[in-house]
Amino acid sequence: MTSSPSQQHQAWRTELARMPDWLRRPIGKASDLATVQRIIKERQIHTICEEGRCPNRGECYANRTATFLLMGAVCTRACAFCQVDKGHAPMALDPHEPEKVAESVRLLGLRYVVLTSVARDDLPDQGAGWFVKVMNTIRAVNPLTAIEVLTPDFWGGLGKEASQAERVKTVVQAQPACYNHNLETVRRLQGPVRRGAQYDRSLRVLALVKELDPAIPTKSGLMLGHGETEAEIIEAMEDLRRVGCDRLTLGQYLRPSLDHRPVDRYWTPAEFDRLGAIARELGFSHVRSGPLVRSSYHAGEDP
């Protein structure tokens, strides 16, 4: 039976009420938010900061960093945790998007930019070439801006591992400042959390980057709160180190709506601190571990 709007509203209020105090924080200065939102809206481009309702977007905007969401706001995957729109036809590529993003970077004075995208399984190269086109356009207008990429797995289907490798190679040859691909969760929970993705396939992306260019730092992230154990988190960190992953982010999963996967538990700040210390002992050079940490949090800063 479908719940009434009032019942859904009450259920969401109950969901928010159980959220620990350490997850409640101000969004940031209204002026910083308004400036970025105006520029983005005027150019009809997207950021994961807004589409994913990131709790850190005010802080990042104030520090002159942002994460642009390329190739539209509709994903061809259906991950159970993600706020990004899905379930219907993806948007046509905007031929002017590279110029719009580059101009936004200039107007906002961004020193460090992260480029990510929805999964575009409908495109012949899964969008790898589009990443490069946007990177080159940004550099032409903003030569001093560093660019990190956070890519999907570029998977083309069974038996097409060579195509996946070529797509990763396309992006690597464009020389990003860092190549990020998120594992998202532990091996046991990949199926229910990351529909359409696989644990070993994601590890392969990171391994390919290091094979192609060992000098490019690689990065991955886990969102905790899906039902994983500490032992499973440590196992995932060890697997990432085995493929040469240099940088790690650990953050708390926050349920975007009642339609998304429920939060199994809220990990405490002390637990995040302990996991961060373990990650450093395992050899990660950059570690961000905390309840509100996200993939691009303080991305351009030293550890």
C-alpha atoms as a PDB file:
ATOM      1  CA  MET A   1       0.000   0.000   0.000  1.00  0.00           C
ATOM      2  CA  THR A   2       1.328   3.433  -0.958  1.00  0.00           C
ATOM      3  CA  SER A   3       1.969   5.835   1.916  1.00  0.00           C
ATOM      4  CA  SER A   4       0.222   9.191   1.932  1.00  0.00           C
ATOM      5  CA  PRO A   5       2.317  12.376   1.597  1.00  0.00           C
ATOM      6  CA  SER A   6       1.837  13.110   5.301  1.00  0.00           C
ATOM      7  CA  GLN A   7       3.011   9.600   6.241  1.00  0.00           C
ATOM      8  CA  GLN A   8       6.062   9.947   4.000  1.00  0.00           C
ATOM      9  CA  HIS A   9       6.836  13.340   5.527  1.00  0.00           C
ATOM     10  CA  GLN A  10       6.639  11.901   9.033  1.00  0.00           C
ATOM     11  CA  ALA A  11       8.801   8.927   8.046  1.00  0.00           C
ATOM     12  CA  TRP A  12      11.460  11.283   6.702  1.00  0.00           C
ATOM     13  CA  ARG A  13      11.337  13.404   9.869  1.00  0.00           C
ATOM     14  CA  THR A  14      11.896  10.214  11.861  1.00  0.00           C
ATOM     15  CA  GLU A  15      14.828   9.319   9.600  1.00  0.00           C
ATOM     16  CA  LEU A  16      16.435  12.718  10.148  1.00  0.00           C
ATOM     17  CA  ALA A  17      15.826  12.602  13.906  1.00  0.00           C
ATOM     18  CA  ARG A  18      17.978   9.481  14.286  1.00  0.00           C
ATOM     19  CA  MET A  19      20.922  11.178  12.597  1.00  0.00           C
ATOM     20  CA  PRO A  20      23.748  11.784  15.115  1.00  0.00           C
ATOM     21  CA  ASP A  21      24.710  15.327  16.073  1.00  0.00           C
ATOM     22  CA  TRP A  22      28.162  14.985  14.496  1.00  0.00           C
ATOM     23  CA  LEU A  23      26.511  14.842  11.061  1.00  0.00           C
ATOM     24  CA  ARG A  24      24.702  18.144  11.504  1.00  0.00           C
ATOM     25  CA  ARG A  25      26.605  21.149  10.219  1.00  0.00           C
ATOM     26  CA  PRO A  26      25.852  24.500   8.552  1.00  0.00           C
ATOM     27  CA  ILE A  27      25.933  24.377   4.765  1.00  0.00           C
ATOM     28  CA  GLY A  28      28.256  27.391   4.471  1.00  0.00           C
ATOM     29  CA  LYS A  29      28.054  31.072   3.555  1.00  0.00           C
ATOM     30  CA  ALA A  30      24.978  31.894   1.519  1.00  0.00           C
ATOM     31  CA  SER A  31      27.015  34.229  -0.703  1.00  0.00           C
ATOM     32  CA  ASP A  32      29.470  31.465  -1.689  1.00  0.00           C
ATOM     33  CA  LEU A  33      26.615  29.095  -2.482  1.00  0.00           C
ATOM     34  CA  ALA A  34      24.615  31.683  -4.403  1.00  0.00           C
ATOM     35  CA  THR A  35      27.535  32.718  -6.621  1.00  0.00           C
ATOM     36  CA  VAL A  36      28.356  29.168  -7.692  1.00  0.00           C
ATOM     37  CA  GLN A  37      24.725  28.168  -8.117  1.00  0.00           C
ATOM     38  CA  ARG A  38      24.024  31.214 -10.280  1.00  0.00           C
ATOM     39  CA  ILE A  39      26.952  30.542 -12.620  1.00  0.00           C
ATOM     40  CA  ILE A  40      26.044  26.863 -12.914  1.00  0.00           C
ATOM     41  CA  LYS A  41      22.372  27.572 -13.551  1.00  0.00           C
ATOM     42  CA  GLU A  42      23.060  30.262 -16.146  1.00  0.00           C
ATOM     43  CA  ARG A  43      25.269  27.861 -18.123  1.00  0.00           C
ATOM     44  CA  GLN A  44      22.984  24.848 -17.684  1.00  0.00           C
ATOM     45  CA  ILE A  45      25.786  22.634 -16.434  1.00  0.00           C
ATOM     46  CA  HIS A  46      25.865  20.280 -13.460  1.00  0.00           C
ATOM     47  CA  THR A  47      28.000  19.677 -10.390  1.00  0.00           C
ATOM     48  CA  ILE A  48      27.934  16.572  -8.225  1.00  0.00           C
ATOM     49  CA  CYS A  49      28.068  19.037  -5.318  1.00  0.00           C
ATOM     50  CA  GLU A  50      24.492  20.086  -6.129  1.00  0.00           C
ATOM     51  CA  GLU A  51      23.111  16.924  -7.775  1.00  0.00           C
ATOM     52  CA  GLY A  52      24.386  14.797  -4.882  1.00  0.00           C
ATOM     53  CA  ARG A  53      23.485  17.386  -2.208  1.00  0.00           C
ATOM     54  CA  CYS A  54      26.983  17.225  -0.771  1.00  0.00           C
ATOM     55  CA  PRO A  55      27.137  18.498   2.834  1.00  0.00           C
ATOM     56  CA  ASN A  56      30.547  20.101   2.182  1.00  0.00           C
ATOM     57  CA  ARG A  57      29.705  22.173  -0.864  1.00  0.00           C
ATOM     58  CA  GLY A  58      29.737  25.506   0.956  1.00  0.00           C
ATOM     59  CA  GLU A  59      33.211  24.806   2.358  1.00  0.00           C
ATOM     60  CA  CYS A  60      34.553  23.652  -1.006  1.00  0.00           C
ATOM     61  CA  TYR A  61      33.136  26.640  -2.875  1.00  0.00           C
ATOM     62  CA  ALA A  62      34.753  28.970  -0.341  1.00  0.00           C
ATOM     63  CA  ASN A  63      38.095  27.191  -0.927  1.00  0.00           C
ATOM     64  CA  ARG A  64      37.753  27.592  -4.715  1.00  0.00           C
ATOM     65  CA  THR A  65      37.208  23.921  -5.525  1.00  0.00           C
ATOM     66  CA  ALA A  66      34.256  22.220  -7.208  1.00  0.00           C
ATOM     67  CA  THR A  67      33.321  18.921  -8.840  1.00  0.00           C
ATOM     68  CA  PHE A  68      31.640  19.154 -12.230  1.00  0.00           C
ATOM     69  CA  LEU A  69      29.242  16.419 -13.337  1.00  0.00           C
ATOM     70  CA  LEU A  70      29.712  15.821 -17.056  1.00  0.00           C
ATOM     71  CA  MET A  71      27.441  14.379 -19.753  1.00  0.00           C
ATOM     72  CA  GLY A  72      24.133  15.302 -18.172  1.00  0.00           C
ATOM     73  CA  ALA A  73      22.439  14.497 -14.889  1.00  0.00           C
ATOM     74  CA  VAL A  74      20.863  11.116 -15.762  1.00  0.00           C
ATOM     75  CA  CYS A  75      22.840   7.935 -15.039  1.00  0.00           C
ATOM     76  CA  THR A  76      22.536   4.646 -16.931  1.00  0.00           C
ATOM     77  CA  ARG A  77      23.250   2.677 -13.727  1.00  0.00           C
ATOM     78  CA  ALA A  78      20.969   2.356 -10.688  1.00  0.00           C
ATOM     79  CA  CYS A  79      23.148   2.302  -7.568  1.00  0.00           C
ATOM     80  CA  ALA A  80      21.007   1.990  -4.444  1.00  0.00           C
ATOM     81  CA  PHE A  81      22.777   4.773  -2.541  1.00  0.00           C
ATOM     82  CA  CYS A  82      23.105   7.518  -5.142  1.00  0.00           C
ATOM     83  CA  GLN A  83      21.098  10.742  -5.363  1.00  0.00           C
ATOM     84  CA  VAL A  84      21.814  11.288  -9.080  1.00  0.00           C
ATOM     85  CA  ASP A  85      18.793  10.873 -11.376  1.00  0.00           C
ATOM     86  CA  LYS A  86      18.340   7.508 -13.126  1.00  0.00           C
ATOM     87  CA  GLY A  87      15.739   5.185 -14.578  1.00  0.00           C
ATOM     88  CA  HIS A  88      15.025   6.990 -17.843  1.00  0.00           C
ATOM     89  CA  ALA A  89      16.814   7.934 -21.053  1.00  0.00           C
ATOM     90  CA  PRO A  90      20.132   9.761 -20.560  1.00  0.00           C
ATOM     91  CA  MET A  91      20.505  13.304 -21.829  1.00  0.00           C
ATOM     92  CA  ALA A  92      22.040  14.110 -25.207  1.00  0.00           C
ATOM     93  CA  LEU A  93      25.563  15.480 -24.913  1.00  0.00           C
ATOM     94  CA  ASP A  94      25.685  19.263 -24.901  1.00  0.00           C
ATOM     95  CA  PRO A  95      28.290  20.179 -27.560  1.00  0.00           C
ATOM     96  CA  HIS A  96      29.023  23.398 -25.668  1.00  0.00           C
ATOM     97  CA  GLU A  97      29.553  21.752 -22.271  1.00  0.00           C
ATOM     98  CA  PRO A  98      33.391  21.837 -22.433  1.00  0.00           C
ATOM     99  CA  GLU A  99      33.370  25.604 -23.054  1.00  0.00           C
ATOM    100  CA  LYS A 100      30.710  26.194 -20.388  1.00  0.00           C
ATOM    101  CA  VAL A 101      32.705  24.284 -17.777  1.00  0.00           C
ATOM    102  CA  ALA A 102      35.962  26.028 -18.720  1.00  0.00           C
ATOM    103  CA  GLU A 103      34.303  29.440 -18.483  1.00  0.00           C
ATOM    104  CA  SER A 104      32.765  28.559 -15.112  1.00  0.00           C
ATOM    105  CA  VAL A 105      36.194  27.546 -13.816  1.00  0.00           C
ATOM    106  CA  ARG A 106      37.549  30.930 -14.926  1.00  0.00           C
ATOM    107  CA  LEU A 107      34.696  32.955 -13.430  1.00  0.00           C
ATOM    108  CA  LEU A 108      34.902  31.127 -10.104  1.00  0.00           C
ATOM    109  CA  GLY A 109      38.690  31.342  -9.963  1.00  0.00           C
ATOM    110  CA  LEU A 110      38.992  27.619  -9.271  1.00  0.00           C
ATOM    111  CA  ARG A 111      42.506  26.393  -8.523  1.00  0.00           C
ATOM    112  CA  TYR A 112      41.597  22.707  -8.438  1.00  0.00           C
ATOM    113  CA  VAL A 113      38.789  21.033 -10.351  1.00  0.00           C
ATOM    114  CA  VAL A 114      37.396  17.524 -10.151  1.00  0.00           C
ATOM    115  CA  LEU A 115      35.623  16.181 -13.228  1.00  0.00           C
ATOM    116  CA  THR A 116      33.215  13.305 -12.738  1.00  0.00           C
ATOM    117  CA  SER A 117      30.297  11.972 -14.724  1.00  0.00           C
ATOM    118  CA  VAL A 118      27.232   9.840 -14.675  1.00  0.00           C
ATOM    119  CA  ALA A 119      27.761   6.378 -16.153  1.00  0.00           C
ATOM    120  CA  ARG A 120      27.104   6.560 -19.897  1.00  0.00           C
ATOM    121  CA  ASP A 121      26.863   2.942 -21.007  1.00  0.00           C
ATOM    122  CA  ASP A 122      24.914   4.189 -24.031  1.00  0.00           C
ATOM    123  CA  LEU A 123      27.941   5.930 -25.579  1.00  0.00           C
ATOM    124  CA  PRO A 124      30.434   4.012 -27.770  1.00  0.00           C
ATOM    125  CA  ASP A 125      33.417   4.953 -25.575  1.00  0.00           C
ATOM    126  CA  GLN A 126      31.373   5.278 -22.350  1.00  0.00           C
ATOM    127  CA  GLY A 127      32.332   8.961 -22.277  1.00  0.00           C
ATOM    128  CA  ALA A 128      36.128   8.608 -21.994  1.00  0.00           C
ATOM    129  CA  GLY A 129      36.769  10.945 -24.914  1.00  0.00           C
ATOM    130  CA  TRP A 130      34.425  13.541 -23.436  1.00  0.00           C
ATOM    131  CA  PHE A 131      36.501  13.677 -20.247  1.00  0.00           C
ATOM    132  CA  VAL A 132      39.545  14.479 -22.367  1.00  0.00           C
ATOM    133  CA  LYS A 133      37.719  17.102 -24.413  1.00  0.00           C
ATOM    134  CA  VAL A 134      36.611  18.925 -21.265  1.00  0.00           C
ATOM    135  CA  MET A 135      40.093  18.662 -19.719  1.00  0.00           C
ATOM    136  CA  ASN A 136      41.734  20.155 -22.804  1.00  0.00           C
ATOM    137  CA  THR A 137      39.205  22.985 -22.978  1.00  0.00           C
ATOM    138  CA  ILE A 138      39.663  23.855 -19.299  1.00  0.00           C
ATOM    139  CA  ARG A 139      43.442  23.956 -19.737  1.00  0.00           C
ATOM    140  CA  ALA A 140      43.193  26.227 -22.761  1.00  0.00           C
ATOM    141  CA  VAL A 141      41.330  28.819 -20.671  1.00  0.00           C
ATOM    142  CA  ASN A 142      42.796  28.065 -17.218  1.00  0.00           C
ATOM    143  CA  PRO A 143      46.360  26.771 -17.686  1.00  0.00           C
ATOM    144  CA  LEU A 144      47.182  26.889 -13.956  1.00  0.00           C
ATOM    145  CA  THR A 145      44.136  24.909 -12.793  1.00  0.00           C
ATOM    146  CA  ALA A 146      44.865  21.317 -11.743  1.00  0.00           C
ATOM    147  CA  ILE A 147      42.329  18.705 -12.877  1.00  0.00           C
ATOM    148  CA  GLU A 148      41.445  15.488 -11.062  1.00  0.00           C
ATOM    149  CA  VAL A 149      39.136  12.931 -12.675  1.00  0.00           C
ATOM    150  CA  LEU A 150      36.620  10.670 -10.949  1.00  0.00           C
ATOM    151  CA  THR A 151      35.509   8.261 -13.658  1.00  0.00           C
ATOM    152  CA  PRO A 152      33.019   5.417 -13.962  1.00  0.00           C
ATOM    153  CA  ASP A 153      34.443   1.970 -14.734  1.00  0.00           C
ATOM    154  CA  PHE A 154      34.075   2.378 -18.548  1.00  0.00           C
ATOM    155  CA  TRP A 155      32.824  -1.205 -18.708  1.00  0.00           C
ATOM    156  CA  GLY A 156      31.564  -2.281 -22.104  1.00  0.00           C
ATOM    157  CA  GLY A 157      30.296  -5.772 -21.298  1.00  0.00           C
ATOM    158  CA  LEU A 158      31.652  -9.299 -20.978  1.00  0.00           C
ATOM    159  CA  GLY A 159      34.547 -10.065 -23.274  1.00  0.00           C
ATOM    160  CA  LYS A 160      35.309  -6.381 -23.805  1.00  0.00           C
ATOM    161  CA  GLU A 161      38.089  -5.946 -21.265  1.00  0.00           C
ATOM    162  CA  ALA A 162      40.370  -4.588 -24.001  1.00  0.00           C
ATOM    163  CA  SER A 163      37.856  -1.836 -24.743  1.00  0.00           C
ATOM    164  CA  GLN A 164      37.746  -0.902 -21.065  1.00  0.00           C
ATOM    165  CA  ALA A 165      41.541  -0.678 -21.011  1.00  0.00           C
ATOM    166  CA  GLU A 166      41.538   1.581 -24.081  1.00  0.00           C
ATOM    167  CA  ARG A 167      39.019   3.929 -22.466  1.00  0.00           C
ATOM    168  CA  VAL A 168      41.064   4.192 -19.287  1.00  0.00           C
ATOM    169  CA  LYS A 169      44.160   4.779 -21.444  1.00  0.00           C
ATOM    170  CA  THR A 170      42.398   7.639 -23.248  1.00  0.00           C
ATOM    171  CA  VAL A 171      41.903   9.492 -19.958  1.00  0.00           C
ATOM    172  CA  VAL A 172      45.333   8.611 -18.540  1.00  0.00           C
ATOM    173  CA  GLN A 173      47.065  10.029 -21.624  1.00  0.00           C
ATOM    174  CA  ALA A 174      45.412  13.383 -20.876  1.00  0.00           C
ATOM    175  CA  GLN A 175      47.514  13.492 -17.674  1.00  0.00           C
ATOM    176  CA  PRO A 176      45.062  14.239 -14.859  1.00  0.00           C
ATOM    177  CA  ALA A 177      46.532  15.428 -11.561  1.00  0.00           C
ATOM    178  CA  CYS A 178      44.884  12.412  -9.920  1.00  0.00           C
ATOM    179  CA  TYR A 179      42.793   9.503 -11.213  1.00  0.00           C
ATOM    180  CA  ASN A 180      39.933   8.570  -8.873  1.00  0.00           C
ATOM    181  CA  HIS A 181      37.607   5.606  -9.206  1.00  0.00           C
ATOM    182  CA  ASN A 182      35.524   4.673  -6.182  1.00  0.00           C
ATOM    183  CA  LEU A 183      35.139   1.160  -4.829  1.00  0.00           C
ATOM    184  CA  GLU A 184      32.189   2.555  -2.791  1.00  0.00           C
ATOM    185  CA  THR A 185      31.702  -0.459  -0.507  1.00  0.00           C
ATOM    186  CA  VAL A 186      33.193  -3.778   0.570  1.00  0.00           C
ATOM    187  CA  ARG A 187      33.217  -6.898  -1.605  1.00  0.00           C
ATOM    188  CA  ARG A 188      30.227  -8.598   0.082  1.00  0.00           C
ATOM    189  CA  LEU A 189      27.915  -5.611  -0.437  1.00  0.00           C
ATOM    190  CA  GLN A 190      28.756  -4.724  -4.042  1.00  0.00           C
ATOM    191  CA  GLY A 191      25.630  -6.366  -5.489  1.00  0.00           C
ATOM    192  CA  PRO A 192      22.943  -4.643  -3.410  1.00  0.00           C
ATOM    193  CA  VAL A 193      24.781  -1.292  -3.214  1.00  0.00           C
ATOM    194  CA  ARG A 194      26.392  -0.890  -6.671  1.00  0.00           C
ATOM    195  CA  ARG A 195      23.999  -2.306  -9.245  1.00  0.00           C
ATOM    196  CA  GLY A 196      25.817  -2.702 -12.540  1.00  0.00           C
ATOM    197  CA  ALA A 197      29.306  -2.460 -11.024  1.00  0.00           C
ATOM    198  CA  GLN A 198      31.708  -5.068  -9.659  1.00  0.00           C
ATOM    199  CA  TYR A 199      34.437  -5.033  -7.019  1.00  0.00           C
ATOM    200  CA  ASP A 200      37.193  -6.631  -9.105  1.00  0.00           C
ATOM    201  CA  ARG A 201      36.265  -4.580 -12.158  1.00  0.00           C
ATOM    202  CA  SER A 202      36.809  -1.392 -10.156  1.00  0.00           C
ATOM    203  CA  LEU A 203      40.121  -2.647  -8.809  1.00  0.00           C
ATOM    204  CA  ARG A 204      41.120  -3.334 -12.413  1.00  0.00           C
ATOM    205  CA  VAL A 205      40.503   0.310 -13.382  1.00  0.00           C
ATOM    206  CA  LEU A 206      42.922   1.485 -10.696  1.00  0.00           C
ATOM    207  CA  ALA A 207      45.463  -1.195 -11.625  1.00  0.00           C
ATOM    208  CA  LEU A 208      45.283  -0.162 -15.295  1.00  0.00           C
ATOM    209  CA  VAL A 209      46.073   3.456 -14.446  1.00  0.00           C
ATOM    210  CA  LYS A 210      49.234   2.414 -12.603  1.00  0.00           C
ATOM    211  CA  GLU A 211      50.266   0.087 -15.435  1.00  0.00           C
ATOM    212  CA  LEU A 212      49.823   2.873 -17.976  1.00  0.00           C
ATOM    213  CA  ASP A 213      51.458   5.671 -15.971  1.00  0.00           C
ATOM    214  CA  PRO A 214      52.817   4.910 -12.482  1.00  0.00           C
ATOM    215  CA  ALA A 215      53.433   8.626 -11.879  1.00  0.00           C
ATOM    216  CA  ILE A 216      49.724   9.514 -11.800  1.00  0.00           C
ATOM    217  CA  PRO A 217      48.331   9.258  -8.248  1.00  0.00           C
ATOM    218  CA  THR A 218      45.317   6.969  -7.949  1.00  0.00           C
ATOM    219  CA  LYS A 219      42.519   7.354  -5.453  1.00  0.00           C
ATOM    220  CA  SER A 220      39.423   5.514  -4.282  1.00  0.00           C
ATOM    221  CA  GLY A 221      36.715   5.864  -1.672  1.00  0.00           C
ATOM    222  CA  LEU A 222      34.367   3.874   0.535  1.00  0.00           C
ATOM    223  CA  MET A 223      31.026   5.000   1.945  1.00  0.00           C
ATOM    224  CA  LEU A 224      30.417   3.358   5.318  1.00  0.00           C
ATOM    225  CA  GLY A 225      27.052   2.534   6.828  1.00  0.00           C
ATOM    226  CA  HIS A 226      25.733  -0.140   4.453  1.00  0.00           C
ATOM    227  CA  GLY A 227      26.283  -3.032   6.877  1.00  0.00           C
ATOM    228  CA  GLU A 228      30.017  -3.626   6.456  1.00  0.00           C
ATOM    229  CA  THR A 229      32.303  -4.759   9.279  1.00  0.00           C
ATOM    230  CA  GLU A 230      35.619  -3.205  10.254  1.00  0.00           C
ATOM    231  CA  ALA A 231      37.413  -6.351   9.065  1.00  0.00           C
ATOM    232  CA  GLU A 232      35.770  -6.010   5.642  1.00  0.00           C
ATOM    233  CA  ILE A 233      36.784  -2.338   5.417  1.00  0.00           C
ATOM    234  CA  ILE A 234      40.392  -3.223   6.200  1.00  0.00           C
ATOM    235  CA  GLU A 235      40.268  -6.006   3.595  1.00  0.00           C
ATOM    236  CA  ALA A 236      39.049  -3.490   0.992  1.00  0.00           C
ATOM    237  CA  MET A 237      41.845  -1.083   1.926  1.00  0.00           C
ATOM    238  CA  GLU A 238      44.389  -3.890   1.559  1.00  0.00           C
ATOM    239  CA  ASP A 239      42.955  -4.787  -1.859  1.00  0.00           C
ATOM    240  CA  LEU A 240      43.296  -1.154  -2.942  1.00  0.00           C
ATOM    241  CA  ARG A 241      46.911  -1.030  -1.836  1.00  0.00           C
ATOM    242  CA  ARG A 242      47.619  -4.250  -3.753  1.00  0.00           C
ATOM    243  CA  VAL A 243      46.722  -2.455  -7.005  1.00  0.00           C
ATOM    244  CA  GLY A 244      48.866   0.529  -6.056  1.00  0.00           C
ATOM    245  CA  CYS A 245      46.104   2.906  -4.948  1.00  0.00           C
ATOM    246  CA  ASP A 246      47.751   5.955  -3.355  1.00  0.00           C
ATOM    247  CA  ARG A 247      44.890   7.945  -1.839  1.00  0.00           C
ATOM    248  CA  LEU A 248      41.773   7.033   0.127  1.00  0.00           C
ATOM    249  CA  THR A 249      38.569   8.679   1.305  1.00  0.00           C
ATOM    250  CA  LEU A 250      36.274   7.178   3.938  1.00  0.00           C
ATOM    251  CA  GLY A 251      32.906   8.795   4.659  1.00  0.00           C
ATOM    252  CA  GLN A 252      29.490   8.066   6.120  1.00  0.00           C
ATOM    253  CA  TYR A 253      26.649   7.079   3.801  1.00  0.00           C
ATOM    254  CA  LEU A 254      23.687   9.431   4.238  1.00  0.00           C
ATOM    255  CA  ARG A 255      20.375   8.271   2.815  1.00  0.00           C
ATOM    256  CA  PRO A 256      19.206  10.830   0.212  1.00  0.00           C
ATOM    257  CA  SER A 257      15.522   9.862   0.459  1.00  0.00           C
ATOM    258  CA  LEU A 258      13.161   7.108   1.584  1.00  0.00           C
ATOM    259  CA  ASP A 259      13.501   5.589  -1.892  1.00  0.00           C
ATOM    260  CA  HIS A 260      17.195   4.884  -1.304  1.00  0.00           C
ATOM    261  CA  ARG A 261      18.949   2.176   0.656  1.00  0.00           C
ATOM    262  CA  PRO A 262      18.523   2.660   4.435  1.00  0.00           C
ATOM    263  CA  VAL A 263      21.514   3.468   6.630  1.00  0.00           C
ATOM    264  CA  ASP A 264      22.553   0.348   8.545  1.00  0.00           C
ATOM    265  CA  ARG A 265      24.625   2.218  11.135  1.00  0.00           C
ATOM    266  CA  TYR A 266      26.362   5.515  11.773  1.00  0.00           C
ATOM    267  CA  TRP A 267      30.100   5.130  12.322  1.00  0.00           C
ATOM    268  CA  THR A 268      31.447   7.483  14.989  1.00  0.00           C
ATOM    269  CA  PRO A 269      34.171  10.112  14.456  1.00  0.00           C
ATOM    270  CA  ALA A 270      36.473   8.051  16.694  1.00  0.00           C
ATOM    271  CA  GLU A 271      35.944   4.990  14.500  1.00  0.00           C
ATOM    272  CA  PHE A 272      36.733   7.030  11.396  1.00  0.00           C
ATOM    273  CA  ASP A 273      39.913   8.271  13.077  1.00  0.00           C
ATOM    274  CA  ARG A 274      40.961   4.699  13.836  1.00  0.00           C
ATOM    275  CA  LEU A 275      40.264   3.547  10.277  1.00  0.00           C
ATOM    276  CA  GLY A 276      42.198   6.527   8.934  1.00  0.00           C
ATOM    277  CA  ALA A 277      45.187   5.575  11.084  1.00  0.00           C
ATOM    278  CA  ILE A 278      45.019   1.994   9.787  1.00  0.00           C
ATOM    279  CA  ALA A 279      44.908   3.311   6.204  1.00  0.00           C
ATOM    280  CA  ARG A 280      48.072   5.338   6.785  1.00  0.00           C
ATOM    281  CA  GLU A 281      49.783   2.287   8.278  1.00  0.00           C
ATOM    282  CA  LEU A 282      48.874   0.371   5.117  1.00  0.00           C
ATOM    283  CA  GLY A 283      50.757   2.957   3.073  1.00  0.00           C
ATOM    284  CA  PHE A 284      48.159   5.336   1.617  1.00  0.00           C
ATOM    285  CA  SER A 285      49.875   8.686   1.046  1.00  0.00           C
ATOM    286  CA  HIS A 286      46.702  10.801   1.354  1.00  0.00           C
ATOM    287  CA  VAL A 287      43.873   9.792   3.692  1.00  0.00           C
ATOM    288  CA  ARG A 288      40.641  11.651   4.405  1.00  0.00           C
ATOM    289  CA  SER A 289      38.523   9.780   6.932  1.00  0.00           C
ATOM    290  CA  GLY A 290      35.503  11.287   8.657  1.00  0.00           C
ATOM    291  CA  PRO A 291      31.702  11.159   8.712  1.00  0.00           C
ATOM    292  CA  LEU A 292      31.262  14.018   6.220  1.00  0.00           C
ATOM    293  CA  VAL A 293      34.200  13.183   3.944  1.00  0.00           C
ATOM    294  CA  ARG A 294      33.309  12.735   0.282  1.00  0.00           C
ATOM    295  CA  SER A 295      35.385  11.722  -2.759  1.00  0.00           C
ATOM    296  CA  SER A 296      36.511  15.245  -3.597  1.00  0.00           C
ATOM    297  CA  TYR A 297      36.793  16.601  -0.054  1.00  0.00           C
ATOM    298  CA  HIS A 298      39.941  18.792   0.168  1.00  0.00           C
ATOM    299  CA  ALA A 299      41.035  17.037  -3.025  1.00  0.00           C
ATOM    300  CA  GLY A 300      43.692  19.554  -3.994  1.00  0.00           C
ATOM    301  CA  GLU A 301      45.306  19.848  -0.577  1.00  0.00           C
ATOM    302  CA  ASP A 302      48.208  18.040   1.021  1.00  0.00           C
ATOM    303  CA  PRO A 303      47.305  15.196   3.429  1.00  0.00           C
END
